Every structure is written in C-alpha cells, then in structure tokens.
Protein backbone atom coordinates (compact mmCIF):
# COMPACT_ATOMS: atom_id res chain seq x y z
CA MET A 1 9.01 -7.18 4.95
CA GLN A 2 10.50 -5.79 1.77
CA LEU A 3 10.39 -2.04 1.25
CA ASP A 4 9.57 -0.68 -2.18
CA LEU A 5 11.38 2.25 -3.78
CA GLY A 6 8.89 4.84 -2.51
CA GLN A 7 9.10 3.56 1.06
CA LYS A 8 12.90 3.62 0.92
CA LEU A 9 12.88 7.20 -0.40
CA ARG A 10 10.46 8.36 2.28
CA HIS A 11 12.57 6.65 4.95
CA LEU A 12 15.75 8.37 3.71
CA ARG A 13 14.02 11.75 3.51
CA GLU A 14 12.66 11.41 7.03
CA GLN A 15 16.07 10.30 8.34
CA LYS A 16 17.52 13.52 6.96
CA GLY A 17 14.66 15.53 8.43
CA TRP A 18 13.75 16.94 5.01
CA THR A 19 10.33 18.04 3.90
CA LEU A 20 9.34 17.19 0.34
CA ALA A 21 10.24 20.77 -0.60
CA GLU A 22 13.74 20.38 0.87
CA ALA A 23 14.18 17.01 -0.82
CA SER A 24 13.16 18.65 -4.09
CA GLU A 25 15.83 21.32 -3.62
CA HIS A 26 18.53 18.72 -2.90
CA THR A 27 17.56 16.34 -5.69
CA GLY A 28 16.37 18.67 -8.43
CA VAL A 29 13.19 16.59 -8.74
CA SER A 30 9.82 18.30 -8.44
CA ILE A 31 7.85 17.98 -5.22
CA SER A 32 4.94 16.36 -7.05
CA HIS A 33 7.19 13.79 -8.72
CA LEU A 34 8.91 12.90 -5.41
CA SER A 35 5.55 12.63 -3.69
CA ALA A 36 4.17 10.37 -6.42
CA ILE A 37 7.20 8.06 -6.18
CA GLU A 38 6.98 7.91 -2.39
CA LYS A 39 3.25 7.10 -2.55
CA GLY A 40 3.82 4.39 -5.15
CA ASN A 41 1.96 6.25 -7.90
CA ARG A 42 5.13 6.17 -10.04
CA PRO A 43 6.66 2.82 -9.11
CA ASN A 44 9.15 2.59 -11.98
CA PRO A 45 11.15 5.81 -12.32
CA SER A 46 14.01 5.88 -14.80
CA PHE A 47 17.44 4.54 -13.90
CA PHE A 48 18.86 8.03 -14.32
CA LEU A 49 16.36 9.44 -11.80
CA VAL A 50 17.07 6.69 -9.27
CA ALA A 51 20.81 7.29 -9.66
CA LYS A 52 20.26 11.01 -9.13
CA LEU A 53 18.22 10.34 -5.98
CA ALA A 54 20.86 7.96 -4.62
CA GLN A 55 23.50 10.63 -5.11
CA ALA A 56 21.41 13.33 -3.41
CA TYR A 57 20.54 11.10 -0.44
CA GLY A 58 24.15 9.91 -0.11
CA VAL A 59 23.43 6.21 -0.54
CA PRO A 60 24.87 3.74 -3.02
CA LEU A 61 22.68 3.01 -6.02
CA ASN A 62 22.28 -0.59 -4.92
CA TYR A 63 20.40 0.62 -1.83
CA PHE A 64 17.37 0.92 -4.11
CA LEU A 65 18.09 -2.31 -5.97
CA ASP A 66 18.73 -4.67 -3.08
CA PRO A 67 15.77 -6.13 -1.21
CA VAL A 68 15.67 -5.84 2.56
CA GLU A 69 16.82 -9.45 2.85
CA GLU A 70 19.87 -9.62 0.63
CA PRO A 71 19.85 -12.63 -1.73
CA SER A 72 22.52 -15.28 -1.50
CA GLU A 73 25.77 -14.53 -3.34
CA ASN A 74 25.32 -17.89 -5.09
CA THR A 75 21.98 -17.14 -6.73
CA SER A 76 22.12 -17.91 -10.47
CA ASN A 77 19.91 -16.80 -13.32
CA GLU A 78 18.62 -19.04 -16.13
CA ALA A 79 21.95 -18.89 -17.97
CA GLY A 80 23.82 -20.00 -14.84
CA VAL A 81 25.40 -16.57 -14.36
CA ALA A 82 25.55 -15.35 -10.79
CA GLU A 83 23.35 -12.28 -10.33
CA THR A 84 24.54 -10.79 -7.07
CA PRO A 85 24.37 -7.50 -5.25
CA ALA A 86 28.09 -7.30 -6.04
CA ALA A 87 27.24 -6.86 -9.74
CA TYR A 88 25.01 -3.92 -8.88
CA ARG A 89 27.67 -2.45 -6.63
CA GLU A 90 30.20 -2.76 -9.43
CA ILE A 91 28.21 -0.65 -11.88
CA ALA A 92 27.19 1.82 -9.17
CA GLN A 93 30.84 2.27 -8.24
CA ARG A 94 31.86 2.81 -11.88
CA LEU A 95 29.13 5.43 -12.33
CA ALA A 96 30.12 7.26 -9.16
CA GLU A 97 33.86 7.21 -9.92
CA GLU A 98 33.28 8.70 -13.36
CA HIS A 99 30.72 11.28 -12.10
CA ALA A 100 28.40 9.86 -14.75
CA LEU A 101 25.27 10.88 -12.88
CA ASP A 102 25.89 14.49 -13.87
CA ASP A 103 26.29 13.73 -17.57
CA PRO A 104 23.66 11.62 -19.37
CA SER A 105 25.97 10.86 -22.31
CA LYS A 106 28.69 9.64 -19.92
CA LEU A 107 26.09 7.59 -18.06
CA LEU A 108 24.98 5.86 -21.27
CA GLU A 109 28.58 5.33 -22.38
CA LEU A 110 29.52 3.63 -19.10
CA LEU A 111 26.38 1.50 -19.05
CA ALA A 112 27.06 0.36 -22.62
CA GLN A 113 30.67 -0.50 -21.72
CA TYR A 114 29.52 -2.41 -18.64
CA LEU A 115 27.08 -4.45 -20.74
CA ARG A 116 29.77 -5.15 -23.35
CA ASP A 117 32.15 -6.30 -20.59
CA ARG A 118 29.50 -8.62 -19.14
CA THR A 119 28.67 -10.01 -22.57
CA THR A 120 32.34 -10.77 -23.19
CA LYS A 121 32.83 -12.21 -19.70
CA TYR A 122 29.73 -14.43 -19.68
CA GLY A 123 29.29 -15.04 -23.41
CA LYS A 124 25.76 -13.67 -23.48
C-alpha cells in the first residue's frame, strides 16, 4: 500500500507524539492547514511547504516524494533519462546544505540552478 502525503505527515506527527497544535508550533503552518493536508483535503501543497514540513519533522525531502515501494534505479522517462530517487535526494541535499528552506529567494535560485544543470547534463 502506498501512503499519500497526508498519511505520511500524520504518521510522522504521531511518531513524535505531537498534537496538531504542537505540529503547528514546530512547523509554522496553521492547525487547519495541517489538518486539511493530513485528511487529504489539500493533496497538493506547494514545494516550499513540503520542504518546510520535511525540515520540521526531521526527514529528508524525498521521504514525501518516494513511494512506499521504491522504484528501480533503472527506471527511465520518455526521453530515456533515469528518474531515480537519487535525483530527488540530490536536490534535497543541495537545499539543506544551503539552508534554502529558510529563504524563498535562495530556494528559487538553487532550484533554477539545479534545472539548468540537468538541462546541460541531459540536453533537455
């Protein structure tokens, strides 16, 4: 069974023993917004919000991106470029190393650089 984002967030919160109010304090996200995400009423929160939640819960960003059963490292997309969890880990690591989650302009700058690097590397 594959967990969705809300189920993963609820699981993390319960592992920490946090109420929604405590999770709100730790994440800076309103109780109602957290509750809506956990219930699946807001299934597609922004990348910035997911990155912020990953940081607060102490998990790598790819925790929310990877399915329960991790895909094969050899999976290729239509252009023949390998799309692996390693690619997600790479950008998550860059963002964490640069503390980009605390600065939206830095976050956008690093994401843009990452996309430029991938375009150059894969010719997309």
